[in-house]
Amino acid sequence: MPFHTRQQLEAMDDAELAAALVEATGSEVEQVLIAAILQAQESKLTTHRQVARWIEGTIGRETGRRYQLELEGMSLRALRDLQRLLRDLESEKQNAARRAAMEPWRGW
C-alpha cells in the first residue's frame, strides 16, 4: 500500500478510507472495522434524509407550498442549521403573536 499522509486520510470519505484499510492489511479485524464504518455511514445518510424530510414538511406546512429545494445535496451540518433557523422563526412568530395580543395599542 502506498503511504498516505494525515491530510490525505482526513480528506478521504468513509468508503475510500475503508478501501485503504483493506489494501493495507486485509486482516479480519480490519474487515470488521470497515463494516462498522460503512454501517455508520449508512446511518448518517438515514439521519440526513430524515432532517431533509423534516425541513421539507415544515416549509410545506408553514407556507402551503412545495419548493424544489436540493436539500439532500446539502451537508448534514447545513441541514441542521436550516432546521434551527426554521425553529427560531417559528419561535419568533409565536413571540410576536403573544406581544401583539398583550399590547395591541403598540401596533405590533
N, C-alpha and C. Protein backbone atom coordinates (compact mmCIF):
# COMPACT_ATOMS: atom_id res chain seq x y z
N MET A 1 0.83 -1.18 0.00
CA MET A 1 0.00 0.00 0.00
C MET A 1 0.87 1.24 0.00
N PRO A 2 0.51 2.23 -0.79
CA PRO A 2 1.26 3.48 -0.74
C PRO A 2 1.00 4.20 0.59
N PHE A 3 1.99 4.94 1.03
CA PHE A 3 1.86 5.70 2.27
C PHE A 3 0.92 6.88 2.06
N HIS A 4 -0.01 7.11 3.00
CA HIS A 4 -0.92 8.25 2.93
C HIS A 4 -0.57 9.22 4.05
N THR A 5 -0.58 10.49 3.73
CA THR A 5 -0.35 11.50 4.75
C THR A 5 -1.62 11.68 5.57
N ARG A 6 -1.50 12.32 6.69
CA ARG A 6 -2.66 12.59 7.55
C ARG A 6 -3.71 13.40 6.80
N GLN A 7 -3.27 14.42 6.05
CA GLN A 7 -4.20 15.24 5.29
C GLN A 7 -4.96 14.42 4.25
N GLN A 8 -4.24 13.50 3.59
CA GLN A 8 -4.90 12.65 2.61
C GLN A 8 -5.94 11.75 3.27
N LEU A 9 -5.59 11.20 4.42
CA LEU A 9 -6.53 10.33 5.13
C LEU A 9 -7.76 11.10 5.60
N GLU A 10 -7.55 12.32 6.11
CA GLU A 10 -8.68 13.12 6.57
C GLU A 10 -9.58 13.55 5.43
N ALA A 11 -9.03 13.69 4.23
CA ALA A 11 -9.82 14.12 3.08
C ALA A 11 -10.63 12.98 2.48
N MET A 12 -10.29 11.73 2.82
CA MET A 12 -10.99 10.58 2.26
C MET A 12 -12.37 10.44 2.87
N ASP A 13 -13.34 10.02 2.03
CA ASP A 13 -14.64 9.68 2.60
C ASP A 13 -14.52 8.27 3.21
N ASP A 14 -15.59 7.81 3.85
CA ASP A 14 -15.53 6.54 4.56
C ASP A 14 -15.21 5.36 3.63
N ALA A 15 -15.77 5.36 2.43
CA ALA A 15 -15.53 4.25 1.50
C ALA A 15 -14.06 4.21 1.06
N GLU A 16 -13.49 5.38 0.77
CA GLU A 16 -12.08 5.43 0.38
C GLU A 16 -11.18 4.99 1.52
N LEU A 17 -11.53 5.42 2.74
CA LEU A 17 -10.75 5.03 3.90
C LEU A 17 -10.84 3.53 4.13
N ALA A 18 -12.03 2.97 3.95
CA ALA A 18 -12.21 1.53 4.10
C ALA A 18 -11.37 0.78 3.07
N ALA A 19 -11.37 1.25 1.82
CA ALA A 19 -10.58 0.62 0.78
C ALA A 19 -9.09 0.69 1.10
N ALA A 20 -8.66 1.81 1.64
CA ALA A 20 -7.25 1.96 2.01
C ALA A 20 -6.89 0.98 3.13
N LEU A 21 -7.80 0.78 4.07
CA LEU A 21 -7.54 -0.18 5.15
C LEU A 21 -7.44 -1.61 4.63
N VAL A 22 -8.34 -1.96 3.72
CA VAL A 22 -8.30 -3.30 3.13
C VAL A 22 -6.99 -3.50 2.39
N GLU A 23 -6.59 -2.51 1.63
CA GLU A 23 -5.35 -2.59 0.87
C GLU A 23 -4.15 -2.70 1.80
N ALA A 24 -4.25 -2.04 2.96
CA ALA A 24 -3.12 -2.02 3.88
C ALA A 24 -2.88 -3.38 4.53
N THR A 25 -3.92 -4.04 4.99
CA THR A 25 -3.70 -5.27 5.75
C THR A 25 -4.55 -6.44 5.29
N GLY A 26 -5.83 -6.20 5.08
CA GLY A 26 -6.72 -7.27 4.66
C GLY A 26 -7.05 -8.24 5.77
N SER A 27 -6.68 -7.97 7.00
CA SER A 27 -6.96 -8.91 8.09
C SER A 27 -8.43 -8.83 8.50
N GLU A 28 -8.88 -9.84 9.23
CA GLU A 28 -10.27 -9.91 9.64
C GLU A 28 -10.66 -8.78 10.58
N VAL A 29 -9.76 -8.36 11.43
CA VAL A 29 -10.06 -7.27 12.36
C VAL A 29 -10.38 -6.00 11.58
N GLU A 30 -9.58 -5.70 10.58
CA GLU A 30 -9.82 -4.52 9.78
C GLU A 30 -11.13 -4.65 9.00
N GLN A 31 -11.47 -5.86 8.57
CA GLN A 31 -12.73 -6.07 7.86
C GLN A 31 -13.91 -5.72 8.76
N VAL A 32 -13.83 -6.11 10.02
CA VAL A 32 -14.89 -5.79 10.98
C VAL A 32 -14.98 -4.27 11.17
N LEU A 33 -13.83 -3.62 11.29
CA LEU A 33 -13.82 -2.15 11.44
C LEU A 33 -14.41 -1.47 10.21
N ILE A 34 -14.08 -1.97 9.05
CA ILE A 34 -14.60 -1.41 7.81
C ILE A 34 -16.11 -1.55 7.77
N ALA A 35 -16.61 -2.72 8.15
CA ALA A 35 -18.07 -2.92 8.17
C ALA A 35 -18.73 -1.93 9.11
N ALA A 36 -18.10 -1.68 10.27
CA ALA A 36 -18.66 -0.72 11.23
C ALA A 36 -18.67 0.69 10.65
N ILE A 37 -17.60 1.06 9.96
CA ILE A 37 -17.53 2.39 9.33
C ILE A 37 -18.62 2.54 8.29
N LEU A 38 -18.79 1.53 7.46
CA LEU A 38 -19.82 1.60 6.41
C LEU A 38 -21.22 1.65 7.01
N GLN A 39 -21.44 0.92 8.09
CA GLN A 39 -22.74 0.95 8.74
C GLN A 39 -23.01 2.34 9.34
N ALA A 40 -21.99 2.94 9.92
CA ALA A 40 -22.14 4.29 10.46
C ALA A 40 -22.45 5.29 9.34
N GLN A 41 -21.82 5.11 8.19
CA GLN A 41 -22.08 5.99 7.05
C GLN A 41 -23.52 5.86 6.60
N GLU A 42 -24.04 4.63 6.54
CA GLU A 42 -25.44 4.42 6.16
C GLU A 42 -26.37 5.08 7.17
N SER A 43 -26.02 4.99 8.44
CA SER A 43 -26.83 5.62 9.49
C SER A 43 -26.85 7.13 9.31
N LYS A 44 -25.70 7.71 8.96
CA LYS A 44 -25.63 9.16 8.71
C LYS A 44 -26.55 9.54 7.56
N LEU A 45 -26.58 8.72 6.51
CA LEU A 45 -27.44 9.02 5.37
C LEU A 45 -28.90 9.00 5.77
N THR A 46 -29.29 8.05 6.62
CA THR A 46 -30.68 8.00 7.09
C THR A 46 -31.00 9.26 7.86
N THR A 47 -30.11 9.67 8.76
CA THR A 47 -30.33 10.89 9.52
C THR A 47 -30.42 12.09 8.58
N HIS A 48 -29.55 12.13 7.59
CA HIS A 48 -29.53 13.22 6.61
C HIS A 48 -30.89 13.30 5.91
N ARG A 49 -31.40 12.16 5.47
CA ARG A 49 -32.70 12.13 4.79
C ARG A 49 -33.82 12.54 5.73
N GLN A 50 -33.75 12.10 6.98
CA GLN A 50 -34.78 12.46 7.94
C GLN A 50 -34.82 13.97 8.18
N VAL A 51 -33.67 14.57 8.33
CA VAL A 51 -33.61 16.02 8.54
C VAL A 51 -34.13 16.75 7.30
N ALA A 52 -33.74 16.29 6.11
CA ALA A 52 -34.21 16.91 4.87
C ALA A 52 -35.73 16.81 4.76
N ARG A 53 -36.29 15.65 5.10
CA ARG A 53 -37.76 15.47 5.04
C ARG A 53 -38.46 16.35 6.07
N TRP A 54 -37.87 16.49 7.26
CA TRP A 54 -38.45 17.35 8.29
C TRP A 54 -38.52 18.79 7.79
N ILE A 55 -37.43 19.25 7.18
CA ILE A 55 -37.38 20.62 6.67
C ILE A 55 -38.42 20.81 5.57
N GLU A 56 -38.49 19.87 4.64
CA GLU A 56 -39.48 19.98 3.56
C GLU A 56 -40.89 20.02 4.12
N GLY A 57 -41.18 19.18 5.11
CA GLY A 57 -42.50 19.14 5.72
C GLY A 57 -42.84 20.44 6.43
N THR A 58 -41.88 20.97 7.17
CA THR A 58 -42.10 22.22 7.90
C THR A 58 -42.36 23.37 6.94
N ILE A 59 -41.55 23.47 5.90
CA ILE A 59 -41.75 24.54 4.92
C ILE A 59 -43.11 24.39 4.25
N GLY A 60 -43.47 23.16 3.91
CA GLY A 60 -44.76 22.92 3.27
C GLY A 60 -45.94 23.28 4.17
N ARG A 61 -45.86 22.91 5.45
CA ARG A 61 -46.93 23.22 6.39
C ARG A 61 -47.06 24.72 6.62
N GLU A 62 -45.93 25.39 6.76
CA GLU A 62 -45.95 26.82 7.08
C GLU A 62 -46.36 27.69 5.89
N THR A 63 -46.01 27.29 4.70
CA THR A 63 -46.27 28.13 3.53
C THR A 63 -47.42 27.62 2.67
N GLY A 64 -47.74 26.35 2.81
CA GLY A 64 -48.76 25.78 1.95
C GLY A 64 -48.27 25.56 0.52
N ARG A 65 -46.98 25.62 0.33
CA ARG A 65 -46.37 25.45 -0.99
C ARG A 65 -45.31 24.37 -0.95
N ARG A 66 -44.98 23.89 -2.13
CA ARG A 66 -43.90 22.92 -2.27
C ARG A 66 -42.78 23.60 -3.06
N TYR A 67 -41.60 23.60 -2.52
CA TYR A 67 -40.46 24.22 -3.17
C TYR A 67 -39.51 23.14 -3.68
N GLN A 68 -38.89 23.40 -4.80
CA GLN A 68 -37.93 22.46 -5.39
C GLN A 68 -36.53 22.76 -4.83
N LEU A 69 -36.29 22.34 -3.61
CA LEU A 69 -35.01 22.57 -2.96
C LEU A 69 -34.17 21.30 -3.02
N GLU A 70 -32.90 21.44 -3.25
CA GLU A 70 -31.97 20.32 -3.31
C GLU A 70 -31.39 20.07 -1.91
N LEU A 71 -32.25 19.70 -0.98
CA LEU A 71 -31.82 19.55 0.40
C LEU A 71 -30.87 18.38 0.60
N GLU A 72 -31.07 17.30 -0.14
CA GLU A 72 -30.20 16.15 0.05
C GLU A 72 -28.79 16.40 -0.46
N GLY A 73 -28.61 17.46 -1.23
CA GLY A 73 -27.27 17.82 -1.69
C GLY A 73 -26.50 18.64 -0.66
N MET A 74 -27.21 19.09 0.38
CA MET A 74 -26.57 19.90 1.42
C MET A 74 -25.91 18.98 2.46
N SER A 75 -24.93 19.52 3.14
CA SER A 75 -24.28 18.74 4.20
C SER A 75 -25.24 18.63 5.38
N LEU A 76 -25.01 17.63 6.22
CA LEU A 76 -25.84 17.45 7.41
C LEU A 76 -25.75 18.67 8.32
N ARG A 77 -24.58 19.25 8.42
CA ARG A 77 -24.41 20.45 9.26
C ARG A 77 -25.25 21.61 8.74
N ALA A 78 -25.25 21.81 7.42
CA ALA A 78 -26.06 22.88 6.83
C ALA A 78 -27.55 22.61 7.03
N LEU A 79 -27.95 21.34 6.91
CA LEU A 79 -29.35 20.99 7.15
C LEU A 79 -29.74 21.26 8.59
N ARG A 80 -28.86 20.93 9.52
CA ARG A 80 -29.15 21.19 10.94
C ARG A 80 -29.28 22.70 11.19
N ASP A 81 -28.42 23.49 10.55
CA ASP A 81 -28.53 24.95 10.70
C ASP A 81 -29.84 25.46 10.13
N LEU A 82 -30.24 24.93 8.98
CA LEU A 82 -31.52 25.32 8.39
C LEU A 82 -32.67 24.90 9.29
N GLN A 83 -32.59 23.73 9.87
CA GLN A 83 -33.61 23.26 10.80
C GLN A 83 -33.70 24.20 12.01
N ARG A 84 -32.55 24.60 12.54
CA ARG A 84 -32.52 25.53 13.67
C ARG A 84 -33.12 26.87 13.28
N LEU A 85 -32.82 27.35 12.07
CA LEU A 85 -33.39 28.60 11.58
C LEU A 85 -34.91 28.53 11.53
N LEU A 86 -35.44 27.44 11.00
CA LEU A 86 -36.89 27.30 10.91
C LEU A 86 -37.53 27.28 12.30
N ARG A 87 -36.89 26.60 13.24
CA ARG A 87 -37.40 26.58 14.62
C ARG A 87 -37.34 27.98 15.25
N ASP A 88 -36.25 28.71 14.99
CA ASP A 88 -36.13 30.07 15.51
C ASP A 88 -37.20 30.98 14.93
N LEU A 89 -37.47 30.83 13.64
CA LEU A 89 -38.51 31.65 13.00
C LEU A 89 -39.89 31.34 13.58
N GLU A 90 -40.15 30.08 13.84
CA GLU A 90 -41.42 29.69 14.46
C GLU A 90 -41.55 30.30 15.85
N SER A 91 -40.47 30.27 16.60
CA SER A 91 -40.46 30.87 17.94
C SER A 91 -40.70 32.38 17.87
N GLU A 92 -40.04 33.05 16.93
CA GLU A 92 -40.23 34.49 16.75
C GLU A 92 -41.68 34.81 16.38
N LYS A 93 -42.27 33.99 15.53
CA LYS A 93 -43.66 34.20 15.12
C LYS A 93 -44.58 34.08 16.33
N GLN A 94 -44.35 33.08 17.17
CA GLN A 94 -45.17 32.91 18.37
C GLN A 94 -44.98 34.06 19.34
N ASN A 95 -43.74 34.52 19.51
CA ASN A 95 -43.48 35.66 20.39
C ASN A 95 -44.15 36.92 19.88
N ALA A 96 -44.11 37.14 18.59
CA ALA A 96 -44.75 38.33 18.01
C ALA A 96 -46.27 38.28 18.21
N ALA A 97 -46.86 37.11 18.04
CA ALA A 97 -48.29 36.97 18.25
C ALA A 97 -48.64 37.22 19.71
N ARG A 98 -47.83 36.73 20.63
CA ARG A 98 -48.05 36.96 22.05
C ARG A 98 -47.94 38.45 22.39
N ARG A 99 -46.91 39.11 21.86
CA ARG A 99 -46.74 40.55 22.12
C ARG A 99 -47.92 41.34 21.57
N ALA A 100 -48.37 40.99 20.40
CA ALA A 100 -49.50 41.70 19.79
C ALA A 100 -50.77 41.51 20.59
N ALA A 101 -50.96 40.34 21.17
CA ALA A 101 -52.15 40.08 21.98
C ALA A 101 -52.09 40.82 23.31
N MET A 102 -50.88 40.94 23.87
CA MET A 102 -50.72 41.57 25.17
C MET A 102 -50.73 43.10 25.06
N GLU A 103 -50.25 43.64 23.98
CA GLU A 103 -50.13 45.10 23.82
C GLU A 103 -50.64 45.53 22.45
N PRO A 104 -51.95 45.41 22.19
CA PRO A 104 -52.46 45.72 20.84
C PRO A 104 -52.31 47.19 20.48
N TRP A 105 -52.23 48.08 21.46
CA TRP A 105 -52.11 49.51 21.18
C TRP A 105 -50.77 49.88 20.55
N ARG A 106 -49.78 49.01 20.68
CA ARG A 106 -48.46 49.31 20.11
C ARG A 106 -48.41 49.02 18.62
N GLY A 107 -49.36 48.32 18.12
CA GLY A 107 -49.38 48.04 16.67
C GLY A 107 -48.34 47.06 16.22
N TRP A 108 -48.03 46.09 17.06
CA TRP A 108 -47.05 45.07 16.67
C TRP A 108 -47.55 44.45 15.44
